[in-house]
């Protein structure tokens, strides 16, 4: 059983918003990469989710496999960002935890939106 794209869409908007607010919610907003990496990735998630061809997409131009690839790459980048950008001695747990959630979610989500599956009779 794979995660339905409708649920994935809800998680996208929730996770994107969480990433934008995470530096202030979790108290690690210092103005450097530890702050801006999650903010930029969260904004990216919100933006490409609006363009994804799934139940919660507004424009429906980005196919689900491409969306999931962006999720996986972004999650991996978020997870390793403390070491790439050198802030691992200050904060790393939120970046790794949320990044891994993003990667796992991408790996277990269905690649065909529910409305396409119903239309095709699958």
PDB file of N, CA and C in Angstrom:
ATOM      1  N   UNK A   1       0.843  -1.187   0.000  1.00  0.00           N
ATOM      2  CA  UNK A   1       0.000   0.000   0.000  1.00  0.00           C
ATOM      3  C   UNK A   1       0.882   1.242   0.000  1.00  0.00           C
ATOM      4  N   UNK A   2       0.702   2.071  -0.984  1.00  0.00           N
ATOM      5  CA  UNK A   2       1.490   3.291  -1.099  1.00  0.00           C
ATOM      6  C   UNK A   2       0.693   4.466  -0.553  1.00  0.00           C
ATOM      7  N   UNK A   3       1.391   5.514  -0.190  1.00  0.00           N
ATOM      8  CA  UNK A   3       0.755   6.726   0.324  1.00  0.00           C
ATOM      9  C   UNK A   3       0.010   7.411  -0.817  1.00  0.00           C
ATOM     10  N   UNK A   4      -1.287   7.683  -0.657  1.00  0.00           N
ATOM     11  CA  UNK A   4      -2.035   8.352  -1.732  1.00  0.00           C
ATOM     12  C   UNK A   4      -1.501   9.762  -1.991  1.00  0.00           C
ATOM     13  N   UNK A   5      -1.599  10.192  -3.229  1.00  0.00           N
ATOM     14  CA  UNK A   5      -1.099  11.519  -3.589  1.00  0.00           C
ATOM     15  C   UNK A   5      -1.858  12.630  -2.876  1.00  0.00           C
ATOM     16  N   UNK A   6      -3.117  12.418  -2.558  1.00  0.00           N
ATOM     17  CA  UNK A   6      -3.880  13.433  -1.809  1.00  0.00           C
ATOM     18  C   UNK A   6      -3.249  13.656  -0.427  1.00  0.00           C
ATOM     19  N   UNK A   7      -2.912  12.577   0.251  1.00  0.00           N
ATOM     20  CA  UNK A   7      -2.271  12.679   1.567  1.00  0.00           C
ATOM     21  C   UNK A   7      -0.889  13.302   1.416  1.00  0.00           C
ATOM     22  N   UNK A   8      -0.162  12.888   0.388  1.00  0.00           N
ATOM     23  CA  UNK A   8       1.158  13.458   0.136  1.00  0.00           C
ATOM     24  C   UNK A   8       1.046  14.971  -0.064  1.00  0.00           C
ATOM     25  N   UNK A   9       0.032  15.401  -0.797  1.00  0.00           N
ATOM     26  CA  UNK A   9      -0.174  16.832  -1.014  1.00  0.00           C
ATOM     27  C   UNK A   9      -0.393  17.583   0.285  1.00  0.00           C
ATOM     28  N   UNK A  10      -1.194  17.015   1.171  1.00  0.00           N
ATOM     29  CA  UNK A  10      -1.414  17.648   2.479  1.00  0.00           C
ATOM     30  C   UNK A  10      -0.098  17.760   3.246  1.00  0.00           C
ATOM     31  N   UNK A  11       0.689  16.682   3.195  1.00  0.00           N
ATOM     32  CA  UNK A  11       1.987  16.698   3.866  1.00  0.00           C
ATOM     33  C   UNK A  11       2.925  17.722   3.238  1.00  0.00           C
ATOM     34  N   UNK A  12       2.860  17.886   1.914  1.00  0.00           N
ATOM     35  CA  UNK A  12       3.703  18.879   1.242  1.00  0.00           C
ATOM     36  C   UNK A  12       3.469  20.276   1.800  1.00  0.00           C
ATOM     37  N   UNK A  13       2.209  20.675   1.865  1.00  0.00           N
ATOM     38  CA  UNK A  13       1.903  22.026   2.330  1.00  0.00           C
ATOM     39  C   UNK A  13       2.216  22.185   3.819  1.00  0.00           C
ATOM     40  N   UNK A  14       1.983  21.141   4.598  1.00  0.00           N
ATOM     41  CA  UNK A  14       2.314  21.176   6.020  1.00  0.00           C
ATOM     42  C   UNK A  14       3.828  21.246   6.222  1.00  0.00           C
ATOM     43  N   UNK A  15       4.559  20.366   5.534  1.00  0.00           N
ATOM     44  CA  UNK A  15       6.009  20.310   5.686  1.00  0.00           C
ATOM     45  C   UNK A  15       6.683  21.565   5.141  1.00  0.00           C
ATOM     46  N   UNK A  16       6.209  22.066   4.003  1.00  0.00           N
ATOM     47  CA  UNK A  16       6.769  23.300   3.459  1.00  0.00           C
ATOM     48  C   UNK A  16       6.619  24.452   4.435  1.00  0.00           C
ATOM     49  N   UNK A  17       5.442  24.576   5.023  1.00  0.00           N
ATOM     50  CA  UNK A  17       5.193  25.633   6.007  1.00  0.00           C
ATOM     51  C   UNK A  17       6.032  25.425   7.265  1.00  0.00           C
ATOM     52  N   UNK A  18       6.131  24.167   7.713  1.00  0.00           N
ATOM     53  CA  UNK A  18       6.950  23.859   8.885  1.00  0.00           C
ATOM     54  C   UNK A  18       8.410  24.228   8.645  1.00  0.00           C
ATOM     55  N   UNK A  19       8.930  23.899   7.471  1.00  0.00           N
ATOM     56  CA  UNK A  19      10.326  24.226   7.170  1.00  0.00           C
ATOM     57  C   UNK A  19      10.564  25.733   7.183  1.00  0.00           C
ATOM     58  N   UNK A  20       9.629  26.496   6.650  1.00  0.00           N
ATOM     59  CA  UNK A  20       9.787  27.954   6.642  1.00  0.00           C
ATOM     60  C   UNK A  20       9.825  28.501   8.066  1.00  0.00           C
ATOM     61  N   UNK A  21       9.009  27.962   8.942  1.00  0.00           N
ATOM     62  CA  UNK A  21       8.968  28.449  10.322  1.00  0.00           C
ATOM     63  C   UNK A  21       9.913  27.764  11.285  1.00  0.00           C
ATOM     64  N   UNK A  22      10.509  26.637  10.890  1.00  0.00           N
ATOM     65  CA  UNK A  22      11.323  25.821  11.794  1.00  0.00           C
ATOM     66  C   UNK A  22      12.437  26.582  12.511  1.00  0.00           C
ATOM     67  N   UNK A  23      13.193  27.444  11.835  1.00  0.00           N
ATOM     68  CA  UNK A  23      14.274  28.130  12.554  1.00  0.00           C
ATOM     69  C   UNK A  23      13.781  28.924  13.766  1.00  0.00           C
ATOM     70  N   UNK A  24      12.609  29.500  13.665  1.00  0.00           N
ATOM     71  CA  UNK A  24      12.064  30.289  14.763  1.00  0.00           C
ATOM     72  C   UNK A  24      11.301  29.409  15.742  1.00  0.00           C
ATOM     73  N   UNK A  25      10.590  28.411  15.233  1.00  0.00           N
ATOM     74  CA  UNK A  25       9.851  27.492  16.111  1.00  0.00           C
ATOM     75  C   UNK A  25      10.787  26.685  17.009  1.00  0.00           C
ATOM     76  N   UNK A  26      11.905  26.246  16.455  1.00  0.00           N
ATOM     77  CA  UNK A  26      12.829  25.390  17.194  1.00  0.00           C
ATOM     78  C   UNK A  26      14.038  26.146  17.744  1.00  0.00           C
ATOM     79  N   UNK A  27      14.069  27.466  17.557  1.00  0.00           N
ATOM     80  CA  UNK A  27      15.083  28.303  18.177  1.00  0.00           C
ATOM     81  C   UNK A  27      16.482  28.229  17.609  1.00  0.00           C
ATOM     82  N   UNK A  28      16.621  27.981  16.317  1.00  0.00           N
ATOM     83  CA  UNK A  28      17.966  27.964  15.735  1.00  0.00           C
ATOM     84  C   UNK A  28      18.154  29.025  14.653  1.00  0.00           C
ATOM     85  N   UNK A  29      17.310  30.051  14.656  1.00  0.00           N
ATOM     86  CA  UNK A  29      17.426  31.133  13.671  1.00  0.00           C
ATOM     87  C   UNK A  29      18.594  32.037  14.053  1.00  0.00           C
ATOM     88  N   UNK A  30      19.716  31.868  13.370  1.00  0.00           N
ATOM     89  CA  UNK A  30      20.902  32.679  13.631  1.00  0.00           C
ATOM     90  C   UNK A  30      21.284  33.517  12.416  1.00  0.00           C
ATOM     91  N   UNK A  31      20.518  33.410  11.333  1.00  0.00           N
ATOM     92  CA  UNK A  31      20.771  34.223  10.152  1.00  0.00           C
ATOM     93  C   UNK A  31      21.693  33.611   9.118  1.00  0.00           C
ATOM     94  N   UNK A  32      22.227  32.433   9.402  1.00  0.00           N
ATOM     95  CA  UNK A  32      23.120  31.778   8.453  1.00  0.00           C
ATOM     96  C   UNK A  32      22.420  30.655   7.703  1.00  0.00           C
ATOM     97  N   UNK A  33      23.228  29.735   7.206  1.00  0.00           N
ATOM     98  CA  UNK A  33      22.697  28.619   6.420  1.00  0.00           C
ATOM     99  C   UNK A  33      21.744  27.746   7.227  1.00  0.00           C
ATOM    100  N   UNK A  34      21.979  27.637   8.543  1.00  0.00           N
ATOM    101  CA  UNK A  34      21.080  26.830   9.374  1.00  0.00           C
ATOM    102  C   UNK A  34      19.653  27.365   9.331  1.00  0.00           C
ATOM    103  N   UNK A  35      19.530  28.666   9.096  1.00  0.00           N
ATOM    104  CA  UNK A  35      18.218  29.309   8.992  1.00  0.00           C
ATOM    105  C   UNK A  35      17.683  29.239   7.572  1.00  0.00           C
ATOM    106  N   UNK A  36      18.507  29.595   6.603  1.00  0.00           N
ATOM    107  CA  UNK A  36      18.008  29.799   5.240  1.00  0.00           C
ATOM    108  C   UNK A  36      17.852  28.529   4.417  1.00  0.00           C
ATOM    109  N   UNK A  37      18.596  27.484   4.731  1.00  0.00           N
ATOM    110  CA  UNK A  37      18.411  26.225   3.988  1.00  0.00           C
ATOM    111  C   UNK A  37      16.984  25.701   4.162  1.00  0.00           C
ATOM    112  N   UNK A  38      16.468  25.547   5.391  1.00  0.00           N
ATOM    113  CA  UNK A  38      15.086  25.071   5.506  1.00  0.00           C
ATOM    114  C   UNK A  38      14.057  26.058   4.964  1.00  0.00           C
ATOM    115  N   UNK A  39      14.315  27.354   5.116  1.00  0.00           N
ATOM    116  CA  UNK A  39      13.362  28.353   4.610  1.00  0.00           C
ATOM    117  C   UNK A  39      13.260  28.265   3.085  1.00  0.00           C
ATOM    118  N   UNK A  40      14.394  28.189   2.412  1.00  0.00           N
ATOM    119  CA  UNK A  40      14.396  28.113   0.945  1.00  0.00           C
ATOM    120  C   UNK A  40      13.787  26.793   0.468  1.00  0.00           C
ATOM    121  N   UNK A  41      14.164  25.685   1.102  1.00  0.00           N
ATOM    122  CA  UNK A  41      13.594  24.394   0.699  1.00  0.00           C
ATOM    123  C   UNK A  41      12.093  24.345   0.976  1.00  0.00           C
ATOM    124  N   UNK A  42      11.654  24.909   2.087  1.00  0.00           N
ATOM    125  CA  UNK A  42      10.221  24.961   2.385  1.00  0.00           C
ATOM    126  C   UNK A  42       9.459  25.778   1.362  1.00  0.00           C
ATOM    127  N   UNK A  43      10.026  26.922   0.979  1.00  0.00           N
ATOM    128  CA  UNK A  43       9.400  27.733  -0.068  1.00  0.00           C
ATOM    129  C   UNK A  43       9.351  26.996  -1.392  1.00  0.00           C
ATOM    130  N   UNK A  44      10.418  26.261  -1.693  1.00  0.00           N
ATOM    131  CA  UNK A  44      10.446  25.465  -2.919  1.00  0.00           C
ATOM    132  C   UNK A  44       9.375  24.389  -2.925  1.00  0.00           C
ATOM    133  N   UNK A  45       9.205  23.714  -1.788  1.00  0.00           N
ATOM    134  CA  UNK A  45       8.165  22.681  -1.687  1.00  0.00           C
ATOM    135  C   UNK A  45       6.793  23.287  -1.955  1.00  0.00           C
ATOM    136  N   UNK A  46       6.513  24.423  -1.332  1.00  0.00           N
ATOM    137  CA  UNK A  46       5.211  25.073  -1.541  1.00  0.00           C
ATOM    138  C   UNK A  46       5.024  25.452  -3.004  1.00  0.00           C
ATOM    139  N   UNK A  47       6.072  25.986  -3.621  1.00  0.00           N
ATOM    140  CA  UNK A  47       5.978  26.429  -5.013  1.00  0.00           C
ATOM    141  C   UNK A  47       5.755  25.257  -5.965  1.00  0.00           C
ATOM    142  N   UNK A  48       6.604  24.233  -5.894  1.00  0.00           N
ATOM    143  CA  UNK A  48       6.422  23.144  -6.859  1.00  0.00           C
ATOM    144  C   UNK A  48       5.198  22.297  -6.549  1.00  0.00           C
ATOM    145  N   UNK A  49       4.715  22.324  -5.314  1.00  0.00           N
ATOM    146  CA  UNK A  49       3.455  21.638  -4.997  1.00  0.00           C
ATOM    147  C   UNK A  49       2.281  22.301  -5.708  1.00  0.00           C
ATOM    148  N   UNK A  50       2.319  23.617  -5.799  1.00  0.00           N
ATOM    149  CA  UNK A  50       1.263  24.335  -6.526  1.00  0.00           C
ATOM    150  C   UNK A  50       1.229  23.937  -7.997  1.00  0.00           C
ATOM    151  N   UNK A  51       2.382  23.567  -8.549  1.00  0.00           N
ATOM    152  CA  UNK A  51       2.490  23.222  -9.963  1.00  0.00           C
ATOM    153  C   UNK A  51       2.390  21.720 -10.233  1.00  0.00           C
ATOM    154  N   UNK A  52       2.210  20.909  -9.189  1.00  0.00           N
ATOM    155  CA  UNK A  52       2.182  19.456  -9.349  1.00  0.00           C
ATOM    156  C   UNK A  52       0.815  18.972  -9.808  1.00  0.00           C
ATOM    157  N   UNK A  53       0.833  17.987 -10.690  1.00  0.00           N
ATOM    158  CA  UNK A  53      -0.393  17.371 -11.196  1.00  0.00           C
ATOM    159  C   UNK A  53      -0.856  16.312 -10.193  1.00  0.00           C
ATOM    160  N   UNK A  54      -1.461  16.791  -9.113  1.00  0.00           N
ATOM    161  CA  UNK A  54      -2.111  15.933  -8.126  1.00  0.00           C
ATOM    162  C   UNK A  54      -3.280  16.688  -7.526  1.00  0.00           C
ATOM    163  N   UNK A  55      -3.991  16.050  -6.621  1.00  0.00           N
ATOM    164  CA  UNK A  55      -5.252  16.597  -6.128  1.00  0.00           C
ATOM    165  C   UNK A  55      -5.130  18.010  -5.566  1.00  0.00           C
ATOM    166  N   UNK A  56      -4.025  18.346  -4.948  1.00  0.00           N
ATOM    167  CA  UNK A  56      -3.884  19.652  -4.310  1.00  0.00           C
ATOM    168  C   UNK A  56      -3.042  20.635  -5.117  1.00  0.00           C
ATOM    169  N   UNK A  57      -2.699  20.280  -6.341  1.00  0.00           N
ATOM    170  CA  UNK A  57      -1.965  21.193  -7.203  1.00  0.00           C
ATOM    171  C   UNK A  57      -2.907  22.175  -7.878  1.00  0.00           C
ATOM    172  N   UNK A  58      -2.463  23.401  -8.052  1.00  0.00           N
ATOM    173  CA  UNK A  58      -3.307  24.428  -8.672  1.00  0.00           C
ATOM    174  C   UNK A  58      -3.113  24.485 -10.185  1.00  0.00           C
ATOM    175  N   UNK A  59      -1.882  24.347 -10.647  1.00  0.00           N
ATOM    176  CA  UNK A  59      -1.574  24.518 -12.070  1.00  0.00           C
ATOM    177  C   UNK A  59      -1.441  23.179 -12.798  1.00  0.00           C
ATOM    178  N   UNK A  60      -1.012  22.146 -12.118  1.00  0.00           N
ATOM    179  CA  UNK A  60      -0.938  20.772 -12.640  1.00  0.00           C
ATOM    180  C   UNK A  60      -0.050  20.629 -13.885  1.00  0.00           C
ATOM    181  N   UNK A  61       1.167  21.105 -13.788  1.00  0.00           N
ATOM    182  CA  UNK A  61       2.125  20.977 -14.893  1.00  0.00           C
ATOM    183  C   UNK A  61       3.272  20.014 -14.577  1.00  0.00           C
ATOM    184  N   UNK A  62       3.584  19.835 -13.309  1.00  0.00           N
ATOM    185  CA  UNK A  62       4.698  18.980 -12.893  1.00  0.00           C
ATOM    186  C   UNK A  62       4.160  17.581 -12.585  1.00  0.00           C
ATOM    187  N   UNK A  63       4.668  16.582 -13.290  1.00  0.00           N
ATOM    188  CA  UNK A  63       4.216  15.203 -13.083  1.00  0.00           C
ATOM    189  C   UNK A  63       4.688  14.683 -11.718  1.00  0.00           C
ATOM    190  N   UNK A  64       3.944  13.768 -11.168  1.00  0.00           N
ATOM    191  CA  UNK A  64       4.219  13.249  -9.829  1.00  0.00           C
ATOM    192  C   UNK A  64       5.612  12.627  -9.690  1.00  0.00           C
ATOM    193  N   UNK A  65       6.106  11.839 -10.642  1.00  0.00           N
ATOM    194  CA  UNK A  65       7.469  11.309 -10.482  1.00  0.00           C
ATOM    195  C   UNK A  65       8.526  12.413 -10.363  1.00  0.00           C
ATOM    196  N   UNK A  66       8.373  13.494 -11.113  1.00  0.00           N
ATOM    197  CA  UNK A  66       9.318  14.611 -11.008  1.00  0.00           C
ATOM    198  C   UNK A  66       9.190  15.288  -9.646  1.00  0.00           C
ATOM    199  N   UNK A  67       7.969  15.443  -9.174  1.00  0.00           N
ATOM    200  CA  UNK A  67       7.732  16.027  -7.854  1.00  0.00           C
ATOM    201  C   UNK A  67       8.426  15.188  -6.776  1.00  0.00           C
ATOM    202  N   UNK A  68       8.262  13.872  -6.858  1.00  0.00           N
ATOM    203  CA  UNK A  68       8.861  12.987  -5.862  1.00  0.00           C
ATOM    204  C   UNK A  68      10.384  13.017  -5.925  1.00  0.00           C
ATOM    205  N   UNK A  69      10.932  13.176  -7.115  1.00  0.00           N
ATOM    206  CA  UNK A  69      12.384  13.319  -7.247  1.00  0.00           C
ATOM    207  C   UNK A  69      12.853  14.602  -6.560  1.00  0.00           C
ATOM    208  N   UNK A  70      12.128  15.704  -6.773  1.00  0.00           N
ATOM    209  CA  UNK A  70      12.465  16.957  -6.090  1.00  0.00           C
ATOM    210  C   UNK A  70      12.379  16.788  -4.577  1.00  0.00           C
ATOM    211  N   UNK A  71      11.354  16.090  -4.106  1.00  0.00           N
ATOM    212  CA  UNK A  71      11.217  15.828  -2.670  1.00  0.00           C
ATOM    213  C   UNK A  71      12.424  15.059  -2.137  1.00  0.00           C
ATOM    214  N   UNK A  72      12.805  13.998  -2.827  1.00  0.00           N
ATOM    215  CA  UNK A  72      13.911  13.158  -2.363  1.00  0.00           C
ATOM    216  C   UNK A  72      15.233  13.918  -2.367  1.00  0.00           C
ATOM    217  N   UNK A  73      15.506  14.653  -3.434  1.00  0.00           N
ATOM    218  CA  UNK A  73      16.756  15.417  -3.524  1.00  0.00           C
ATOM    219  C   UNK A  73      16.772  16.526  -2.472  1.00  0.00           C
ATOM    220  N   UNK A  74      15.654  17.227  -2.323  1.00  0.00           N
ATOM    221  CA  UNK A  74      15.568  18.283  -1.311  1.00  0.00           C
ATOM    222  C   UNK A  74      15.718  17.731   0.095  1.00  0.00           C
ATOM    223  N   UNK A  75      15.087  16.592   0.364  1.00  0.00           N
ATOM    224  CA  UNK A  75      15.213  15.964   1.679  1.00  0.00           C
ATOM    225  C   UNK A  75      16.636  15.529   1.969  1.00  0.00           C
ATOM    226  N   UNK A  76      17.291  14.968   0.966  1.00  0.00           N
ATOM    227  CA  UNK A  76      18.688  14.569   1.134  1.00  0.00           C
ATOM    228  C   UNK A  76      19.571  15.790   1.384  1.00  0.00           C
ATOM    229  N   UNK A  77      19.360  16.849   0.611  1.00  0.00           N
ATOM    230  CA  UNK A  77      20.125  18.085   0.810  1.00  0.00           C
ATOM    231  C   UNK A  77      19.896  18.637   2.219  1.00  0.00           C
ATOM    232  N   UNK A  78      18.652  18.665   2.657  1.00  0.00           N
ATOM    233  CA  UNK A  78      18.351  19.157   4.000  1.00  0.00           C
ATOM    234  C   UNK A  78      19.053  18.309   5.057  1.00  0.00           C
ATOM    235  N   UNK A  79      19.029  16.993   4.888  1.00  0.00           N
ATOM    236  CA  UNK A  79      19.626  16.089   5.876  1.00  0.00           C
ATOM    237  C   UNK A  79      21.141  16.242   5.983  1.00  0.00           C
ATOM    238  N   UNK A  80      21.814  16.531   4.888  1.00  0.00           N
ATOM    239  CA  UNK A  80      23.281  16.662   4.935  1.00  0.00           C
ATOM    240  C   UNK A  80      23.744  18.113   5.042  1.00  0.00           C
ATOM    241  N   UNK A  81      22.817  19.053   4.980  1.00  0.00           N
ATOM    242  CA  UNK A  81      23.181  20.477   4.993  1.00  0.00           C
ATOM    243  C   UNK A  81      23.982  20.913   6.221  1.00  0.00           C
ATOM    244  N   UNK A  82      23.760  20.363   7.410  1.00  0.00           N
ATOM    245  CA  UNK A  82      24.585  20.805   8.537  1.00  0.00           C
ATOM    246  C   UNK A  82      26.083  20.577   8.312  1.00  0.00           C
ATOM    247  N   UNK A  83      26.431  19.515   7.613  1.00  0.00           N
ATOM    248  CA  UNK A  83      27.835  19.212   7.364  1.00  0.00           C
ATOM    249  C   UNK A  83      28.343  19.911   6.111  1.00  0.00           C
ATOM    250  N   UNK A  84      27.503  20.058   5.108  1.00  0.00           N
ATOM    251  CA  UNK A  84      27.913  20.770   3.894  1.00  0.00           C
ATOM    252  C   UNK A  84      28.199  22.236   4.200  1.00  0.00           C
ATOM    253  N   UNK A  85      27.319  22.861   4.993  1.00  0.00           N
ATOM    254  CA  UNK A  85      27.432  24.294   5.261  1.00  0.00           C
ATOM    255  C   UNK A  85      28.094  24.610   6.600  1.00  0.00           C
ATOM    256  N   UNK A  86      28.519  23.592   7.331  1.00  0.00           N
ATOM    257  CA  UNK A  86      29.331  23.782   8.524  1.00  0.00           C
ATOM    258  C   UNK A  86      28.623  24.304   9.766  1.00  0.00           C
ATOM    259  N   UNK A  87      27.362  23.991   9.930  1.00  0.00           N
ATOM    260  CA  UNK A  87      26.682  24.415  11.158  1.00  0.00           C
ATOM    261  C   UNK A  87      26.299  23.226  12.038  1.00  0.00           C
ATOM    262  N   UNK A  88      26.918  22.073  11.793  1.00  0.00           N
ATOM    263  CA  UNK A  88      26.580  20.852  12.531  1.00  0.00           C
ATOM    264  C   UNK A  88      26.889  20.936  14.023  1.00  0.00           C
ATOM    265  N   UNK A  89      27.789  21.802  14.434  1.00  0.00           N
ATOM    266  CA  UNK A  89      28.090  21.935  15.861  1.00  0.00           C
ATOM    267  C   UNK A  89      27.038  22.768  16.587  1.00  0.00           C
ATOM    268  N   UNK A  90      26.227  23.523  15.843  1.00  0.00           N
ATOM    269  CA  UNK A  90      25.169  24.344  16.449  1.00  0.00           C
ATOM    270  C   UNK A  90      23.823  23.639  16.422  1.00  0.00           C
ATOM    271  N   UNK A  91      23.456  23.079  15.272  1.00  0.00           N
ATOM    272  CA  UNK A  91      22.152  22.431  15.129  1.00  0.00           C
ATOM    273  C   UNK A  91      22.212  21.451  13.963  1.00  0.00           C
ATOM    274  N   UNK A  92      21.607  20.287  14.145  1.00  0.00           N
ATOM    275  CA  UNK A  92      21.537  19.337  13.031  1.00  0.00           C
ATOM    276  C   UNK A  92      20.318  18.432  13.114  1.00  0.00           C
ATOM    277  N   UNK A  93      19.790  18.193  14.308  1.00  0.00           N
ATOM    278  CA  UNK A  93      18.688  17.235  14.457  1.00  0.00           C
ATOM    279  C   UNK A  93      17.455  17.604  13.631  1.00  0.00           C
ATOM    280  N   UNK A  94      16.964  18.859  13.670  1.00  0.00           N
ATOM    281  CA  UNK A  94      15.770  19.162  12.855  1.00  0.00           C
ATOM    282  C   UNK A  94      16.010  18.964  11.360  1.00  0.00           C
ATOM    283  N   UNK A  95      17.194  19.324  10.903  1.00  0.00           N
ATOM    284  CA  UNK A  95      17.516  19.206   9.482  1.00  0.00           C
ATOM    285  C   UNK A  95      17.539  17.742   9.047  1.00  0.00           C
ATOM    286  N   UNK A  96      18.186  16.912   9.842  1.00  0.00           N
ATOM    287  CA  UNK A  96      18.278  15.484   9.511  1.00  0.00           C
ATOM    288  C   UNK A  96      16.907  14.822   9.624  1.00  0.00           C
ATOM    289  N   UNK A  97      16.191  15.097  10.708  1.00  0.00           N
ATOM    290  CA  UNK A  97      14.892  14.451  10.926  1.00  0.00           C
ATOM    291  C   UNK A  97      13.890  14.814   9.833  1.00  0.00           C
ATOM    292  N   UNK A  98      13.750  16.100   9.553  1.00  0.00           N
ATOM    293  CA  UNK A  98      12.777  16.523   8.537  1.00  0.00           C
ATOM    294  C   UNK A  98      13.233  16.080   7.148  1.00  0.00           C
ATOM    295  N   UNK A  99      14.539  16.134   6.891  1.00  0.00           N
ATOM    296  CA  UNK A  99      15.062  15.677   5.606  1.00  0.00           C
ATOM    297  C   UNK A  99      14.775  14.206   5.361  1.00  0.00           C
ATOM    298  N   UNK A 100      14.959  13.383   6.387  1.00  0.00           N
ATOM    299  CA  UNK A 100      14.686  11.951   6.236  1.00  0.00           C
ATOM    300  C   UNK A 100      13.196  11.677   6.071  1.00  0.00           C
ATOM    301  N   UNK A 101      12.358  12.438   6.760  1.00  0.00           N
ATOM    302  CA  UNK A 101      10.904  12.306   6.558  1.00  0.00           C
ATOM    303  C   UNK A 101      10.561  12.596   5.103  1.00  0.00           C
ATOM    304  N   UNK A 102      11.182  13.622   4.549  1.00  0.00           N
ATOM    305  CA  UNK A 102      10.929  13.990   3.152  1.00  0.00           C
ATOM    306  C   UNK A 102      11.357  12.869   2.199  1.00  0.00           C
ATOM    307  N   UNK A 103      12.520  12.285   2.429  1.00  0.00           N
ATOM    308  CA  UNK A 103      13.021  11.201   1.577  1.00  0.00           C
ATOM    309  C   UNK A 103      12.115   9.969   1.676  1.00  0.00           C
ATOM    310  N   UNK A 104      11.752   9.582   2.888  1.00  0.00           N
ATOM    311  CA  UNK A 104      10.898   8.403   3.079  1.00  0.00           C
ATOM    312  C   UNK A 104       9.522   8.632   2.463  1.00  0.00           C
ATOM    313  N   UNK A 105       8.962   9.815   2.675  1.00  0.00           N
ATOM    314  CA  UNK A 105       7.650  10.128   2.100  1.00  0.00           C
ATOM    315  C   UNK A 105       7.691  10.036   0.576  1.00  0.00           C
ATOM    316  N   UNK A 106       8.765  10.539  -0.022  1.00  0.00           N
ATOM    317  CA  UNK A 106       8.905  10.453  -1.481  1.00  0.00           C
ATOM    318  C   UNK A 106       8.982   8.997  -1.933  1.00  0.00           C
ATOM    319  N   UNK A 107       9.654   8.171  -1.148  1.00  0.00           N
ATOM    320  CA  UNK A 107       9.844   6.767  -1.531  1.00  0.00           C
ATOM    321  C   UNK A 107       8.566   5.937  -1.434  1.00  0.00           C
ATOM    322  N   UNK A 108       7.641   6.326  -0.562  1.00  0.00           N
ATOM    323  CA  UNK A 108       6.456   5.492  -0.342  1.00  0.00           C
ATOM    324  C   UNK A 108       5.179   6.053  -0.965  1.00  0.00           C
ATOM    325  N   UNK A 109       5.270   7.170  -1.669  1.00  0.00           N
ATOM    326  CA  UNK A 109       4.078   7.786  -2.260  1.00  0.00           C
ATOM    327  C   UNK A 109       3.780   7.203  -3.635  1.00  0.00           C
ATOM    328  N   UNK A 110       2.511   7.028  -3.909  1.00  0.00           N
ATOM    329  CA  UNK A 110       2.044   6.575  -5.220  1.00  0.00           C
ATOM    330  C   UNK A 110       2.467   7.593  -6.282  1.00  0.00           C
ATOM    331  N   UNK A 111       2.786   7.129  -7.463  1.00  0.00           N
ATOM    332  CA  UNK A 111       3.212   8.034  -8.536  1.00  0.00           C
ATOM    333  C   UNK A 111       2.070   8.467  -9.443  1.00  0.00           C
ATOM    334  N   UNK A 112       0.881   7.917  -9.211  1.00  0.00           N
ATOM    335  CA  UNK A 112      -0.287   8.263 -10.031  1.00  0.00           C
ATOM    336  C   UNK A 112      -1.344   8.882  -9.125  1.00  0.00           C
ATOM    337  N   UNK A 113      -1.783  10.110  -9.421  1.00  0.00           N
ATOM    338  CA  UNK A 113      -2.835  10.729  -8.608  1.00  0.00           C
ATOM    339  C   UNK A 113      -4.104   9.885  -8.596  1.00  0.00           C
ATOM    340  N   UNK A 114      -4.839   9.952  -7.499  1.00  0.00           N
ATOM    341  CA  UNK A 114      -6.048   9.157  -7.336  1.00  0.00           C
ATOM    342  C   UNK A 114      -7.074   9.384  -8.421  1.00  0.00           C
ATOM    343  N   UNK A 115      -7.236  10.627  -8.889  1.00  0.00           N
ATOM    344  CA  UNK A 115      -8.242  10.892  -9.924  1.00  0.00           C
ATOM    345  C   UNK A 115      -7.851  10.256 -11.249  1.00  0.00           C
ATOM    346  N   UNK A 116      -6.564  10.143 -11.547  1.00  0.00           N
ATOM    347  CA  UNK A 116      -6.136   9.458 -12.775  1.00  0.00           C
ATOM    348  C   UNK A 116      -6.345   7.953 -12.647  1.00  0.00           C
ATOM    349  N   UNK A 117      -6.096   7.423 -11.469  1.00  0.00           N
ATOM    350  CA  UNK A 117      -6.272   5.991 -11.225  1.00  0.00           C
ATOM    351  C   UNK A 117      -7.743   5.612 -11.374  1.00  0.00           C
ATOM    352  N   UNK A 118      -8.634   6.433 -10.823  1.00  0.00           N
ATOM    353  CA  UNK A 118     -10.073   6.154 -10.939  1.00  0.00           C
ATOM    354  C   UNK A 118     -10.536   6.256 -12.387  1.00  0.00           C
ATOM    355  N   UNK A 119     -10.036   7.249 -13.113  1.00  0.00           N
ATOM    356  CA  UNK A 119     -10.415   7.429 -14.515  1.00  0.00           C
ATOM    357  C   UNK A 119      -9.964   6.242 -15.358  1.00  0.00           C
ATOM    358  N   UNK A 120      -8.806   5.680 -15.034  1.00  0.00           N
ATOM    359  CA  UNK A 120      -8.267   4.545 -15.791  1.00  0.00           C
ATOM    360  C   UNK A 120      -8.852   3.217 -15.320  1.00  0.00           C
ATOM    361  N   UNK A 121      -9.616   3.248 -14.227  1.00  0.00           N
ATOM    362  CA  UNK A 121     -10.229   2.026 -13.723  1.00  0.00           C
ATOM    363  C   UNK A 121      -9.276   1.113 -12.992  1.00  0.00           C
ATOM    364  N   UNK A 122      -8.187   1.685 -12.439  1.00  0.00           N
ATOM    365  CA  UNK A 122      -7.198   0.865 -11.716  1.00  0.00           C
ATOM    366  C   UNK A 122      -7.546   0.751 -10.264  1.00  0.00           C
TER     367      UNK A 122
END
